[in-house]
Amino acid sequence: MANVPPEPTTFKPSPEPPRPWTWRLEDASGAVVEITGDLADETFVSQADAESWVGEFYADLAEQGVDAVTLFEADREVYGPMSLHA
């Protein structure tokens, strides 16, 4: 009988990468705005992803009462508030 190697162990799927980048959504007075739908509670792997997202959806955010955004990496405020209006 031939020597057959044992079956390889099954690889576990890679864990989801951390997504520490978030936007705080604010109204004109600086109060936090809670939005609903697909845009709510978005988190991002990188600063570039977060900035691309706000660039793509700023008009939709403004329609839900967002006047400005502040970018965070975990608990660290990176910049903002940044107006969504020209």
C-alpha atoms as a PDB file:
ATOM      1  CA  MET A   1       0.000   0.000   0.000  1.00  0.00           C
ATOM      2  CA  ALA A   2       1.310   3.475  -0.936  1.00  0.00           C
ATOM      3  CA  ASN A   3       2.014   6.085   1.665  1.00  0.00           C
ATOM      4  CA  VAL A   4      -0.564   8.824   1.248  1.00  0.00           C
ATOM      5  CA  PRO A   5       0.054  12.131   3.009  1.00  0.00           C
ATOM      6  CA  PRO A   6      -2.578  13.241   5.468  1.00  0.00           C
ATOM      7  CA  GLU A   7      -5.208  15.658   4.261  1.00  0.00           C
ATOM      8  CA  PRO A   8      -4.190  19.284   4.716  1.00  0.00           C
ATOM      9  CA  THR A   9      -5.832  21.262   7.449  1.00  0.00           C
ATOM     10  CA  THR A  10      -8.671  23.469   6.370  1.00  0.00           C
ATOM     11  CA  PHE A  11      -7.753  27.124   6.277  1.00  0.00           C
ATOM     12  CA  LYS A  12      -9.907  29.502   8.213  1.00  0.00           C
ATOM     13  CA  PRO A  13     -11.115  32.512   6.260  1.00  0.00           C
ATOM     14  CA  SER A  14      -9.139  35.657   6.927  1.00  0.00           C
ATOM     15  CA  PRO A  15     -10.736  37.864   9.524  1.00  0.00           C
ATOM     16  CA  GLU A  16     -12.295  41.085   8.311  1.00  0.00           C
ATOM     17  CA  PRO A  17      -9.677  43.859   8.397  1.00  0.00           C
ATOM     18  CA  PRO A  18     -10.155  46.538  11.032  1.00  0.00           C
ATOM     19  CA  ARG A  19     -12.310  49.454   9.920  1.00  0.00           C
ATOM     20  CA  PRO A  20     -11.249  52.270  12.256  1.00  0.00           C
ATOM     21  CA  TRP A  21     -12.155  55.208   9.986  1.00  0.00           C
ATOM     22  CA  THR A  22     -15.529  56.877  10.580  1.00  0.00           C
ATOM     23  CA  TRP A  23     -17.307  60.157   9.964  1.00  0.00           C
ATOM     24  CA  ARG A  24     -19.208  62.072  12.619  1.00  0.00           C
ATOM     25  CA  LEU A  25     -22.162  63.646  10.815  1.00  0.00           C
ATOM     26  CA  GLU A  26     -23.179  67.065  12.129  1.00  0.00           C
ATOM     27  CA  ASP A  27     -25.901  69.650  11.604  1.00  0.00           C
ATOM     28  CA  ALA A  28     -25.273  73.410  11.331  1.00  0.00           C
ATOM     29  CA  SER A  29     -25.064  73.767  15.129  1.00  0.00           C
ATOM     30  CA  GLY A  30     -22.509  70.945  15.440  1.00  0.00           C
ATOM     31  CA  ALA A  31     -24.958  68.428  16.893  1.00  0.00           C
ATOM     32  CA  VAL A  32     -24.623  64.829  15.737  1.00  0.00           C
ATOM     33  CA  VAL A  33     -27.055  63.813  12.997  1.00  0.00           C
ATOM     34  CA  GLU A  34     -28.317  60.222  13.006  1.00  0.00           C
ATOM     35  CA  ILE A  35     -29.116  59.055   9.486  1.00  0.00           C
ATOM     36  CA  THR A  36     -30.943  55.955   8.310  1.00  0.00           C
ATOM     37  CA  GLY A  37     -30.692  53.603   5.377  1.00  0.00           C
ATOM     38  CA  ASP A  38     -27.665  52.376   3.484  1.00  0.00           C
ATOM     39  CA  LEU A  39     -25.485  55.327   4.497  1.00  0.00           C
ATOM     40  CA  ALA A  40     -25.883  54.816   8.255  1.00  0.00           C
ATOM     41  CA  ASP A  41     -23.011  53.532  10.398  1.00  0.00           C
ATOM     42  CA  GLU A  42     -20.423  53.302   7.617  1.00  0.00           C
ATOM     43  CA  THR A  43     -16.859  52.415   8.642  1.00  0.00           C
ATOM     44  CA  PHE A  44     -13.762  52.266   6.465  1.00  0.00           C
ATOM     45  CA  VAL A  45     -10.441  50.437   6.215  1.00  0.00           C
ATOM     46  CA  SER A  46      -8.497  53.548   5.188  1.00  0.00           C
ATOM     47  CA  GLN A  47      -8.654  57.325   5.205  1.00  0.00           C
ATOM     48  CA  ALA A  48      -8.780  57.294   1.399  1.00  0.00           C
ATOM     49  CA  ASP A  49     -11.838  55.010   1.442  1.00  0.00           C
ATOM     50  CA  ALA A  50     -13.586  57.286   3.949  1.00  0.00           C
ATOM     51  CA  GLU A  51     -12.835  60.407   1.919  1.00  0.00           C
ATOM     52  CA  SER A  52     -13.964  58.775  -1.332  1.00  0.00           C
ATOM     53  CA  TRP A  53     -17.230  57.748   0.310  1.00  0.00           C
ATOM     54  CA  VAL A  54     -18.051  61.234   1.599  1.00  0.00           C
ATOM     55  CA  GLY A  55     -17.140  62.656  -1.816  1.00  0.00           C
ATOM     56  CA  GLU A  56     -19.552  60.266  -3.485  1.00  0.00           C
ATOM     57  CA  PHE A  57     -22.456  60.655  -1.064  1.00  0.00           C
ATOM     58  CA  TYR A  58     -22.177  64.229   0.260  1.00  0.00           C
ATOM     59  CA  ALA A  59     -25.367  65.317  -1.561  1.00  0.00           C
ATOM     60  CA  ASP A  60     -27.320  62.370  -0.102  1.00  0.00           C
ATOM     61  CA  LEU A  61     -25.981  63.188   3.359  1.00  0.00           C
ATOM     62  CA  ALA A  62     -26.980  66.842   2.968  1.00  0.00           C
ATOM     63  CA  GLU A  63     -30.515  65.752   2.024  1.00  0.00           C
ATOM     64  CA  GLN A  64     -30.698  63.943   5.388  1.00  0.00           C
ATOM     65  CA  GLY A  65     -29.751  67.082   7.316  1.00  0.00           C
ATOM     66  CA  VAL A  66     -25.964  66.726   7.459  1.00  0.00           C
ATOM     67  CA  ASP A  67     -24.188  70.093   7.123  1.00  0.00           C
ATOM     68  CA  ALA A  68     -20.640  69.058   8.044  1.00  0.00           C
ATOM     69  CA  VAL A  69     -18.531  65.976   8.740  1.00  0.00           C
ATOM     70  CA  THR A  70     -15.588  65.238  11.028  1.00  0.00           C
ATOM     71  CA  LEU A  71     -13.212  62.365  10.270  1.00  0.00           C
ATOM     72  CA  PHE A  72     -12.022  59.999  13.013  1.00  0.00           C
ATOM     73  CA  GLU A  73      -9.487  57.184  13.106  1.00  0.00           C
ATOM     74  CA  ALA A  74     -10.817  55.143  16.018  1.00  0.00           C
ATOM     75  CA  ASP A  75     -11.035  57.768  18.828  1.00  0.00           C
ATOM     76  CA  ARG A  76      -8.599  60.256  17.251  1.00  0.00           C
ATOM     77  CA  GLU A  77     -10.129  63.273  15.506  1.00  0.00           C
ATOM     78  CA  VAL A  78      -8.244  63.667  12.216  1.00  0.00           C
ATOM     79  CA  TYR A  79      -9.940  66.781  10.844  1.00  0.00           C
ATOM     80  CA  GLY A  80     -13.192  68.634  10.671  1.00  0.00           C
ATOM     81  CA  PRO A  81     -15.772  69.794  10.821  1.00  0.00           C
ATOM     82  CA  MET A  82     -15.753  70.071   7.041  1.00  0.00           C
ATOM     83  CA  SER A  83     -18.779  71.686   5.420  1.00  0.00           C
ATOM     84  CA  LEU A  84     -20.732  69.756   2.798  1.00  0.00           C
ATOM     85  CA  HIS A  85     -21.780  73.042   1.196  1.00  0.00           C
ATOM     86  CA  ALA A  86     -19.771  75.046  -1.343  1.00  0.00           C
END
